[in-house]
N, C-alpha and C. Protein backbone atom coordinates (compact mmCIF):
# COMPACT_ATOMS: atom_id res chain seq x y z
N MET A 1 28.29 -22.81 -23.04
CA MET A 1 26.93 -24.42 -23.35
C MET A 1 26.13 -24.43 -22.65
N THR A 2 26.70 -24.63 -20.54
CA THR A 2 25.66 -24.75 -19.63
C THR A 2 25.28 -23.50 -19.67
N LEU A 3 25.44 -22.30 -19.59
CA LEU A 3 24.28 -20.99 -19.11
C LEU A 3 23.40 -21.54 -20.46
N THR A 4 24.12 -21.43 -21.49
CA THR A 4 22.59 -21.79 -22.90
C THR A 4 21.10 -23.04 -22.81
N ARG A 5 22.05 -23.57 -21.87
CA ARG A 5 21.54 -24.97 -21.39
C ARG A 5 20.21 -24.94 -20.42
N CYS A 6 20.82 -23.58 -19.12
CA CYS A 6 19.76 -22.83 -17.82
C CYS A 6 18.58 -21.73 -18.97
N LEU A 7 19.03 -20.68 -19.84
CA LEU A 7 18.75 -19.69 -20.04
C LEU A 7 17.42 -20.24 -21.14
N VAL A 8 17.79 -21.85 -22.03
CA VAL A 8 16.57 -21.94 -22.84
C VAL A 8 15.77 -22.28 -22.36
N PRO A 9 15.64 -22.90 -21.23
CA PRO A 9 14.57 -23.94 -20.47
C PRO A 9 13.61 -22.51 -20.21
N LEU A 10 14.59 -21.63 -18.96
CA LEU A 10 14.06 -20.71 -18.60
C LEU A 10 13.14 -19.23 -19.12
N LEU A 11 13.78 -18.96 -19.86
CA LEU A 11 13.69 -18.44 -21.48
C LEU A 11 11.73 -19.08 -21.72
N THR A 12 11.53 -20.45 -22.55
CA THR A 12 10.21 -21.06 -22.70
C THR A 12 9.36 -20.84 -21.75
N PHE A 13 10.27 -21.18 -20.45
CA PHE A 13 8.82 -20.65 -19.48
C PHE A 13 8.45 -19.57 -20.02
N VAL A 14 8.71 -18.87 -18.92
CA VAL A 14 8.87 -16.98 -19.49
C VAL A 14 7.95 -17.44 -21.18
N LEU A 15 8.16 -17.32 -22.09
CA LEU A 15 7.77 -17.35 -22.78
C LEU A 15 6.71 -17.63 -23.01
N LEU A 16 6.50 -19.01 -22.51
CA LEU A 16 4.66 -19.78 -22.97
C LEU A 16 4.31 -19.27 -21.66
N ALA A 17 4.87 -19.27 -20.41
CA ALA A 17 3.61 -18.94 -18.98
C ALA A 17 3.30 -17.74 -18.87
N GLY A 18 3.68 -16.68 -19.70
CA GLY A 18 3.48 -14.78 -20.07
C GLY A 18 4.74 -14.64 -18.83
N PRO A 19 4.89 -12.75 -18.49
CA PRO A 19 4.80 -12.21 -17.50
C PRO A 19 4.30 -12.81 -16.12
N ALA A 20 3.16 -13.38 -16.18
CA ALA A 20 2.37 -13.44 -14.85
C ALA A 20 3.45 -14.40 -13.80
N ALA A 21 4.19 -15.36 -14.51
CA ALA A 21 4.51 -15.85 -14.01
C ALA A 21 6.00 -15.31 -13.51
N LEU A 22 6.62 -13.72 -14.02
CA LEU A 22 7.44 -14.37 -13.61
C LEU A 22 7.16 -12.70 -12.04
N ALA A 23 6.01 -12.48 -12.10
CA ALA A 23 5.12 -11.23 -11.38
C ALA A 23 4.82 -10.95 -9.86
N GLY A 24 5.24 -12.14 -9.39
CA GLY A 24 4.85 -12.24 -8.30
C GLY A 24 3.39 -12.81 -7.89
N THR A 25 2.82 -12.83 -6.50
CA THR A 25 1.48 -13.65 -6.33
C THR A 25 0.77 -13.02 -7.63
N ASP A 26 -0.18 -14.47 -7.62
CA ASP A 26 -1.63 -13.72 -8.08
C ASP A 26 -2.79 -14.61 -8.20
N SER A 27 -2.76 -14.80 -6.90
CA SER A 27 -3.47 -15.68 -5.95
C SER A 27 -3.39 -14.98 -4.30
N VAL A 28 -4.92 -14.69 -4.50
CA VAL A 28 -4.75 -14.34 -2.75
C VAL A 28 -4.90 -15.29 -1.69
N ASP A 29 -4.72 -15.26 -1.15
CA ASP A 29 -5.00 -16.89 0.62
C ASP A 29 -5.66 -15.59 1.04
N PHE A 30 -7.19 -16.30 0.95
CA PHE A 30 -8.55 -15.80 1.72
C PHE A 30 -8.11 -15.59 3.30
N GLY A 31 -7.14 -16.44 3.82
CA GLY A 31 -6.86 -16.87 5.19
C GLY A 31 -5.67 -15.64 5.74
N LEU A 32 -5.33 -15.26 5.00
CA LEU A 32 -4.89 -13.35 5.45
C LEU A 32 -5.22 -12.91 5.90
N LEU A 33 -6.80 -12.92 5.17
CA LEU A 33 -7.26 -11.97 5.93
C LEU A 33 -8.22 -12.43 7.36
N ASP A 34 -8.09 -12.88 7.94
CA ASP A 34 -8.29 -12.96 8.76
C ASP A 34 -7.28 -11.93 9.85
N ASP A 35 -6.37 -12.04 9.36
CA ASP A 35 -5.60 -10.84 9.50
C ASP A 35 -5.01 -9.46 10.03
N VAL A 36 -6.62 -9.06 9.09
CA VAL A 36 -6.31 -7.30 9.21
C VAL A 36 -7.64 -7.20 10.19
N GLN A 37 -7.18 -5.77 10.63
CA GLN A 37 -8.21 -5.35 11.59
C GLN A 37 -9.48 -4.44 11.33
N SER A 38 -10.30 -4.60 11.60
CA SER A 38 -11.54 -3.52 11.84
C SER A 38 -10.83 -2.85 12.24
N ILE A 39 -11.56 -1.45 11.55
CA ILE A 39 -11.27 0.31 11.95
C ILE A 39 -12.86 0.52 12.91
N GLY A 40 -13.87 0.41 12.33
CA GLY A 40 -15.13 0.65 12.88
C GLY A 40 -14.93 -0.84 13.90
N GLU A 41 -16.68 0.01 14.58
CA GLU A 41 -16.80 -1.00 15.84
C GLU A 41 -17.38 -2.23 15.01
N ASP A 42 -18.02 -2.29 13.98
CA ASP A 42 -18.40 -3.58 12.83
C ASP A 42 -17.66 -3.95 12.51
N ALA A 43 -18.12 -4.92 11.40
CA ALA A 43 -16.80 -5.25 11.06
C ALA A 43 -17.84 -6.65 9.31
N ILE A 44 -17.73 -6.66 8.44
CA ILE A 44 -18.23 -7.86 7.54
C ILE A 44 -16.76 -8.61 7.65
N ASP A 45 -17.28 -9.60 6.72
CA ASP A 45 -15.80 -10.79 7.40
C ASP A 45 -14.99 -9.99 5.78
N PRO A 46 -13.76 -10.31 5.51
CA PRO A 46 -13.44 -9.32 4.87
C PRO A 46 -13.50 -10.37 3.40
N ARG A 47 -13.74 -11.95 3.26
CA ARG A 47 -13.77 -12.92 2.63
C ARG A 47 -15.27 -12.74 1.94
N PRO A 48 -14.85 -12.71 0.43
CA PRO A 48 -16.34 -12.37 -0.68
C PRO A 48 -16.69 -13.60 0.22
N ALA A 49 -18.06 -13.38 -0.19
CA ALA A 49 -19.55 -14.85 0.11
C ALA A 49 -19.23 -15.43 -1.45
N ASP A 50 -19.94 -16.20 -1.46
CA ASP A 50 -20.63 -17.58 -2.85
C ASP A 50 -20.66 -16.67 -3.94
N GLY A 51 -19.61 -16.61 -5.40
CA GLY A 51 -20.10 -15.84 -6.00
C GLY A 51 -19.44 -14.40 -6.74
N GLU A 52 -19.28 -13.53 -5.33
CA GLU A 52 -18.44 -12.49 -5.34
C GLU A 52 -16.99 -12.45 -5.70
N VAL A 53 -17.40 -11.39 -6.43
CA VAL A 53 -15.80 -10.82 -6.23
C VAL A 53 -15.08 -9.19 -5.78
N LEU A 54 -13.80 -10.24 -5.72
CA LEU A 54 -13.18 -8.96 -4.50
C LEU A 54 -12.64 -7.83 -4.98
N LEU A 55 -13.28 -6.85 -4.78
CA LEU A 55 -12.05 -5.46 -5.46
C LEU A 55 -11.41 -5.06 -4.13
N LEU A 56 -10.86 -5.37 -4.35
CA LEU A 56 -9.22 -4.72 -3.17
C LEU A 56 -8.79 -3.64 -2.64
N GLN A 57 -8.69 -2.94 -2.33
CA GLN A 57 -8.41 -1.46 -2.32
C GLN A 57 -7.14 -1.33 -0.71
N PHE A 58 -6.07 -1.15 -1.50
CA PHE A 58 -4.81 -1.23 -0.25
C PHE A 58 -4.61 0.94 -0.14
N TRP A 59 -4.98 1.31 0.66
CA TRP A 59 -4.30 2.86 0.95
C TRP A 59 -3.85 3.33 2.76
N ALA A 60 -3.71 4.45 2.28
CA ALA A 60 -3.09 4.52 3.66
C ALA A 60 -3.05 6.37 4.31
N SER A 61 -3.51 6.55 5.08
CA SER A 61 -4.34 8.00 5.93
C SER A 61 -3.16 8.87 5.39
N TRP A 62 -1.88 9.37 4.75
CA TRP A 62 -0.84 9.88 4.25
C TRP A 62 -1.54 10.10 2.85
N CYS A 63 -1.84 9.22 1.70
CA CYS A 63 -2.26 8.51 0.49
C CYS A 63 -3.36 9.60 0.06
N HIS A 64 -3.16 11.10 -0.20
CA HIS A 64 -4.37 11.78 -0.64
C HIS A 64 -5.23 11.18 -1.96
N SER A 65 -5.01 10.56 -2.93
CA SER A 65 -5.10 10.29 -3.39
C SER A 65 -5.46 8.80 -3.43
N CYS A 66 -5.32 8.10 -2.40
CA CYS A 66 -5.93 7.03 -1.99
C CYS A 66 -7.76 7.43 -1.28
N GLY A 67 -7.56 8.40 -1.47
CA GLY A 67 -9.17 8.54 -0.44
C GLY A 67 -10.12 9.29 -1.68
N SER A 68 -9.37 10.01 -2.12
CA SER A 68 -10.62 10.28 -3.24
C SER A 68 -10.87 8.92 -4.65
N LEU A 69 -10.33 7.84 -4.31
CA LEU A 69 -9.96 6.69 -5.12
C LEU A 69 -10.83 5.44 -4.77
N MET A 70 -11.12 6.44 -3.48
CA MET A 70 -12.78 5.66 -2.21
C MET A 70 -14.01 5.72 -3.67
N TRP A 71 -13.80 6.79 -3.49
CA TRP A 71 -14.93 7.00 -4.66
C TRP A 71 -15.34 6.54 -6.03
N ASP A 72 -14.22 6.35 -6.57
CA ASP A 72 -14.02 5.68 -7.98
C ASP A 72 -14.75 4.13 -6.92
N MET A 73 -14.10 3.71 -5.97
CA MET A 73 -13.72 2.37 -6.03
C MET A 73 -15.80 2.02 -6.03
N ASP A 74 -16.03 3.39 -4.74
CA ASP A 74 -17.70 3.22 -4.39
C ASP A 74 -18.65 2.98 -5.35
N ASP A 75 -18.59 3.78 -6.67
CA ASP A 75 -19.06 4.26 -7.80
C ASP A 75 -19.30 2.80 -8.77
N ILE A 76 -18.39 2.39 -8.47
CA ILE A 76 -17.75 0.33 -9.13
C ILE A 76 -19.26 -0.40 -7.97
N ALA A 77 -18.43 -0.58 -6.50
CA ALA A 77 -19.06 -1.79 -6.22
C ALA A 77 -20.23 -0.99 -5.69
N THR A 78 -21.14 0.20 -5.99
CA THR A 78 -22.45 0.11 -6.27
C THR A 78 -23.22 -0.14 -7.28
N ARG A 79 -22.64 -0.21 -7.90
CA ARG A 79 -23.48 -0.63 -9.76
C ARG A 79 -23.16 -2.62 -9.66
N TYR A 80 -22.28 -2.87 -8.88
CA TYR A 80 -21.94 -4.43 -9.34
C TYR A 80 -22.22 -4.72 -7.93
N GLU A 81 -24.11 -5.55 -7.54
CA GLU A 81 -24.32 -6.35 -6.47
C GLU A 81 -23.06 -7.66 -5.87
N ARG A 82 -22.23 -8.05 -6.76
CA ARG A 82 -21.60 -9.41 -6.51
C ARG A 82 -20.47 -8.57 -6.45
N VAL A 83 -19.74 -7.73 -5.59
CA VAL A 83 -19.08 -7.40 -5.13
C VAL A 83 -18.84 -6.89 -4.30
N ARG A 84 -17.85 -7.06 -3.28
CA ARG A 84 -17.37 -6.85 -1.55
C ARG A 84 -16.03 -6.31 -1.56
N TYR A 85 -16.01 -4.91 -2.05
CA TYR A 85 -15.47 -3.52 -1.87
C TYR A 85 -15.05 -3.75 -0.35
N ILE A 86 -13.87 -3.98 0.03
CA ILE A 86 -12.96 -3.85 1.02
C ILE A 86 -11.69 -2.84 1.14
N ALA A 87 -11.62 -1.93 1.80
CA ALA A 87 -10.35 -1.10 2.01
C ALA A 87 -9.48 -1.25 3.08
N VAL A 88 -8.26 -1.87 2.91
CA VAL A 88 -7.09 -2.32 4.09
C VAL A 88 -5.57 -0.73 4.26
N SER A 89 -5.47 -0.19 4.91
CA SER A 89 -5.20 0.19 5.17
C SER A 89 -3.27 -0.23 5.49
N LEU A 90 -2.39 0.99 5.44
CA LEU A 90 -0.99 -0.37 5.13
C LEU A 90 -0.47 0.68 6.18
N ASP A 91 -1.27 2.13 6.90
CA ASP A 91 -0.52 2.15 7.88
C ASP A 91 0.07 1.43 9.62
N ASP A 92 1.29 1.46 9.75
CA ASP A 92 1.92 1.10 10.98
C ASP A 92 1.13 1.59 12.01
N ASP A 93 0.73 2.62 12.44
CA ASP A 93 -0.07 3.11 13.26
C ASP A 93 -1.89 3.19 13.13
N ALA A 94 -2.82 1.89 13.80
CA ALA A 94 -3.53 1.95 13.32
C ALA A 94 -4.18 3.22 14.09
N ASP A 95 -4.24 3.96 14.53
CA ASP A 95 -4.64 4.91 14.83
C ASP A 95 -4.98 6.33 14.04
N ALA A 96 -4.04 6.45 13.52
CA ALA A 96 -3.83 7.28 12.08
C ALA A 96 -4.85 6.78 11.15
N ALA A 97 -4.93 5.65 10.79
CA ALA A 97 -5.98 5.33 10.01
C ALA A 97 -7.40 5.06 9.85
N ARG A 98 -7.82 4.96 11.59
CA ARG A 98 -8.95 5.31 12.34
C ARG A 98 -9.47 6.87 12.05
N ALA A 99 -8.31 7.43 12.48
CA ALA A 99 -8.80 9.06 12.24
C ALA A 99 -9.09 9.89 10.91
N TYR A 100 -8.10 9.28 9.57
CA TYR A 100 -8.46 9.77 8.95
C TYR A 100 -9.67 9.09 7.73
N ILE A 101 -9.78 7.82 8.65
CA ILE A 101 -11.11 7.49 7.70
C ILE A 101 -12.19 7.78 8.39
N ARG A 102 -12.70 8.36 9.22
CA ARG A 102 -13.49 8.36 10.34
C ARG A 102 -14.21 9.48 9.54
N LYS A 103 -12.80 10.88 9.23
CA LYS A 103 -13.55 11.71 8.50
C LYS A 103 -14.00 12.01 7.13
N HIS A 104 -13.61 10.48 6.48
CA HIS A 104 -13.43 10.81 5.05
C HIS A 104 -15.59 9.77 4.82
N LYS A 105 -15.55 11.55 3.74
CA LYS A 105 -17.49 10.40 3.93
C LYS A 105 -18.03 9.58 3.58
N LEU A 106 -17.53 8.67 3.34
CA LEU A 106 -17.94 7.76 2.78
C LEU A 106 -17.78 6.69 3.84
N TYR A 107 -17.10 7.03 4.67
CA TYR A 107 -17.06 5.94 6.26
C TYR A 107 -18.38 5.64 6.86
N SER A 108 -19.34 5.97 6.66
CA SER A 108 -20.96 6.03 6.99
C SER A 108 -21.20 5.45 5.70
N LYS A 109 -20.64 5.24 5.00
CA LYS A 109 -21.59 4.26 4.04
C LYS A 109 -20.69 2.99 4.42
N TYR A 110 -19.21 2.74 3.78
CA TYR A 110 -18.90 1.84 4.35
C TYR A 110 -17.87 1.22 5.96
N SER A 111 -18.19 1.96 7.15
CA SER A 111 -17.72 1.54 8.28
C SER A 111 -17.02 0.38 8.52
N ASP A 112 -17.66 -0.39 7.68
CA ASP A 112 -17.22 -2.14 8.66
C ASP A 112 -16.98 -2.68 6.97
N ARG A 113 -16.14 -1.85 6.33
CA ARG A 113 -15.03 -2.19 5.08
C ARG A 113 -14.18 -2.01 4.94
N TYR A 114 -13.57 -1.38 6.41
CA TYR A 114 -12.37 -1.09 6.08
C TYR A 114 -11.84 -1.20 7.72
N PHE A 115 -10.40 -1.62 7.17
CA PHE A 115 -9.26 -2.78 7.92
C PHE A 115 -7.99 -1.88 7.99
N VAL A 116 -6.93 -3.04 8.79
CA VAL A 116 -5.79 -1.98 8.83
C VAL A 116 -5.00 -3.28 8.85
N ASP A 117 -4.15 -3.74 7.90
CA ASP A 117 -2.85 -4.62 8.10
C ASP A 117 -1.79 -4.01 8.33
N ALA A 118 -1.36 -3.76 9.72
CA ALA A 118 -0.07 -2.96 10.20
C ALA A 118 1.12 -4.28 10.12
N GLY A 119 0.13 -5.30 10.57
CA GLY A 119 1.41 -6.36 10.05
C GLY A 119 1.74 -6.64 8.80
N LYS A 120 1.28 -6.02 7.97
CA LYS A 120 2.00 -5.97 6.09
C LYS A 120 1.77 -8.17 6.22
N THR A 121 1.41 -8.02 6.81
CA THR A 121 0.66 -9.76 6.11
C THR A 121 0.52 -9.85 4.62
N LEU A 122 -0.37 -9.42 5.05
CA LEU A 122 -1.15 -9.37 3.73
C LEU A 122 -1.13 -9.17 2.30
N ALA A 123 0.01 -7.53 2.76
CA ALA A 123 -0.19 -6.87 1.66
C ALA A 123 1.65 -7.41 1.05
N SER A 124 2.52 -8.06 2.35
CA SER A 124 3.21 -8.78 1.64
C SER A 124 2.93 -9.89 0.79
N SER A 125 2.24 -10.67 1.23
CA SER A 125 1.74 -11.97 0.76
C SER A 125 1.48 -11.30 -0.76
N LEU A 126 1.21 -10.19 -1.16
CA LEU A 126 0.92 -10.02 -2.61
C LEU A 126 1.30 -9.27 -3.26
N ASP A 127 2.51 -8.72 -2.45
CA ASP A 127 3.60 -8.44 -2.96
C ASP A 127 3.12 -6.22 -3.63
N ILE A 128 2.45 -6.29 -2.38
CA ILE A 128 2.24 -4.73 -2.68
C ILE A 128 2.92 -3.34 -2.02
N GLU A 129 3.03 -2.89 -2.89
CA GLU A 129 4.94 -2.05 -2.53
C GLU A 129 4.31 -0.44 -2.73
N THR A 130 2.85 -0.21 -3.50
CA THR A 130 2.54 1.55 -3.12
C THR A 130 1.08 1.00 -3.07
N VAL A 131 0.90 2.40 -2.86
CA VAL A 131 -0.90 2.59 -2.11
C VAL A 131 -0.76 4.61 -3.17
N PRO A 132 -1.76 3.95 -3.66
CA PRO A 132 -3.39 3.41 -3.78
C PRO A 132 -2.79 2.13 -4.69
N SER A 133 -3.50 0.85 -4.78
CA SER A 133 -3.13 -0.97 -5.10
C SER A 133 -4.29 -1.15 -4.83
N ILE A 134 -5.33 -1.75 -6.48
CA ILE A 134 -6.58 -1.88 -6.40
C ILE A 134 -6.16 -3.47 -6.60
N LEU A 135 -7.02 -4.14 -6.48
CA LEU A 135 -6.95 -5.76 -7.07
C LEU A 135 -8.43 -6.66 -7.13
N VAL A 136 -8.12 -7.26 -8.37
CA VAL A 136 -9.45 -7.41 -8.82
C VAL A 136 -9.81 -8.83 -8.65
N VAL A 137 -10.55 -9.22 -7.76
CA VAL A 137 -9.66 -11.42 -7.39
C VAL A 137 -11.54 -12.25 -7.97
N SER A 138 -10.90 -13.04 -8.51
CA SER A 138 -11.96 -14.04 -8.70
C SER A 138 -12.46 -14.74 -7.06
N VAL A 139 -13.58 -15.17 -7.52
CA VAL A 139 -14.01 -15.77 -5.88
C VAL A 139 -13.03 -17.34 -5.51
N ALA A 140 -12.28 -17.83 -6.82
CA ALA A 140 -11.02 -18.61 -6.23
C ALA A 140 -10.20 -18.15 -5.98
N GLY A 141 -10.10 -16.78 -5.46
CA GLY A 141 -8.66 -16.09 -5.14
C GLY A 141 -7.72 -16.04 -6.18
N ASP A 142 -8.39 -15.54 -7.93
CA ASP A 142 -7.29 -15.54 -8.16
C ASP A 142 -6.84 -14.14 -8.76
N VAL A 143 -5.75 -13.34 -9.21
CA VAL A 143 -6.04 -11.98 -9.06
C VAL A 143 -6.53 -11.64 -10.96
N ARG A 144 -7.17 -11.03 -10.74
CA ARG A 144 -6.99 -10.60 -12.34
C ARG A 144 -7.41 -9.45 -12.77
N LEU A 145 -6.71 -8.55 -12.03
CA LEU A 145 -6.34 -7.50 -12.23
C LEU A 145 -5.49 -6.43 -11.13
N ARG A 146 -4.15 -6.12 -10.95
CA ARG A 146 -3.65 -5.30 -10.18
C ARG A 146 -3.68 -4.06 -10.54
N LYS A 147 -4.09 -2.67 -10.17
CA LYS A 147 -3.21 -1.31 -10.41
C LYS A 147 -2.67 -0.80 -9.13
N SER A 148 -1.91 -0.29 -9.67
CA SER A 148 -1.14 0.29 -8.12
C SER A 148 -1.07 1.74 -8.49
N GLY A 149 -0.57 2.77 -8.25
CA GLY A 149 -0.73 4.16 -8.17
C GLY A 149 -2.20 5.23 -8.69
N HIS A 150 -1.88 6.34 -9.32
CA HIS A 150 -2.33 6.88 -9.67
C HIS A 150 -3.03 6.76 -10.38
N LEU A 151 -4.62 6.39 -10.61
CA LEU A 151 -5.26 5.56 -11.72
C LEU A 151 -5.95 7.11 -11.90
N ASN A 152 -6.32 6.58 -13.92
CA ASN A 152 -6.84 7.48 -14.51
C ASN A 152 -8.45 6.88 -14.70
N SER A 153 -9.37 7.08 -15.83
CA SER A 153 -10.01 7.06 -16.17
C SER A 153 -10.01 5.36 -17.16
N SER A 154 -9.26 4.91 -17.63
CA SER A 154 -8.46 4.22 -18.54
C SER A 154 -8.23 2.74 -17.55
N ASP A 155 -7.89 3.11 -16.42
CA ASP A 155 -7.54 2.21 -15.21
C ASP A 155 -8.94 2.05 -14.73
N LEU A 156 -9.79 2.74 -14.59
CA LEU A 156 -11.08 2.66 -14.36
C LEU A 156 -11.57 1.83 -15.01
N ARG A 157 -11.34 1.58 -16.58
CA ARG A 157 -12.38 0.88 -17.08
C ARG A 157 -11.92 -0.34 -17.01
N ASP A 158 -10.51 -0.18 -16.84
CA ASP A 158 -10.15 -1.38 -16.56
C ASP A 158 -10.27 -2.45 -16.06
N ILE A 159 -10.89 -1.85 -14.63
CA ILE A 159 -10.98 -3.23 -12.92
C ILE A 159 -12.80 -3.07 -13.32
N VAL A 160 -13.48 -1.92 -14.28
CA VAL A 160 -14.55 -2.73 -14.77
C VAL A 160 -14.93 -3.35 -15.44
N THR A 161 -13.92 -4.11 -16.38
CA THR A 161 -13.83 -4.75 -17.54
C THR A 161 -13.52 -5.92 -16.44
N ALA A 162 -12.56 -5.95 -15.98
CA ALA A 162 -12.55 -7.03 -15.03
C ALA A 162 -13.42 -8.18 -14.01
N ILE A 163 -14.06 -6.66 -13.88
CA ILE A 163 -15.00 -7.59 -13.23
C ILE A 163 -16.19 -7.88 -13.67
N ASP A 164 -16.41 -7.67 -15.05
CA ASP A 164 -17.22 -7.83 -16.18
C ASP A 164 -16.83 -9.24 -16.34
N GLN A 165 -15.82 -9.34 -16.55
CA GLN A 165 -14.72 -11.33 -16.47
C GLN A 165 -14.66 -12.00 -15.92
N THR A 166 -14.84 -11.80 -15.10
CA THR A 166 -14.13 -12.71 -13.21
C THR A 166 -15.73 -13.07 -13.08
N HIS A 167 -15.00 -14.55 -12.69
CA HIS A 167 -16.74 -15.65 -12.31
C HIS A 167 -16.24 -16.20 -10.61
């Protein structure tokens, strides 16, 4: 009887709130973006400006698909004026991340948008455990979409749809 009394409210909560209720962090604390370090000489403020949607990519220098995915994120960010694309490395060694990204052809275009989260403060707050990981974040900081691992064309369409539906 006691177990039933505990489980019924929990199951009711999960059913009403949906799987996101137990899925970890559903919002970004933009203040934690102060903890990421710029890889380039110049850096934009990683926080989205008024009206911008944040397209946040977590990557690492040893992740080959992360570098390829940057081309897809470039394509999406180029199509939308209101998207702020930020790529955050989870490398423990900032020099390794810096060396990798400076060789990437997109570095000249986005040199101000590559960062390192060496302390993993931001990634930890968002329960990021895999690279690549992509988040679409609303102006209010709500995570509207989360994709991790090797992405396919369906995943990329989901990212575009999430951006279209995010205000």
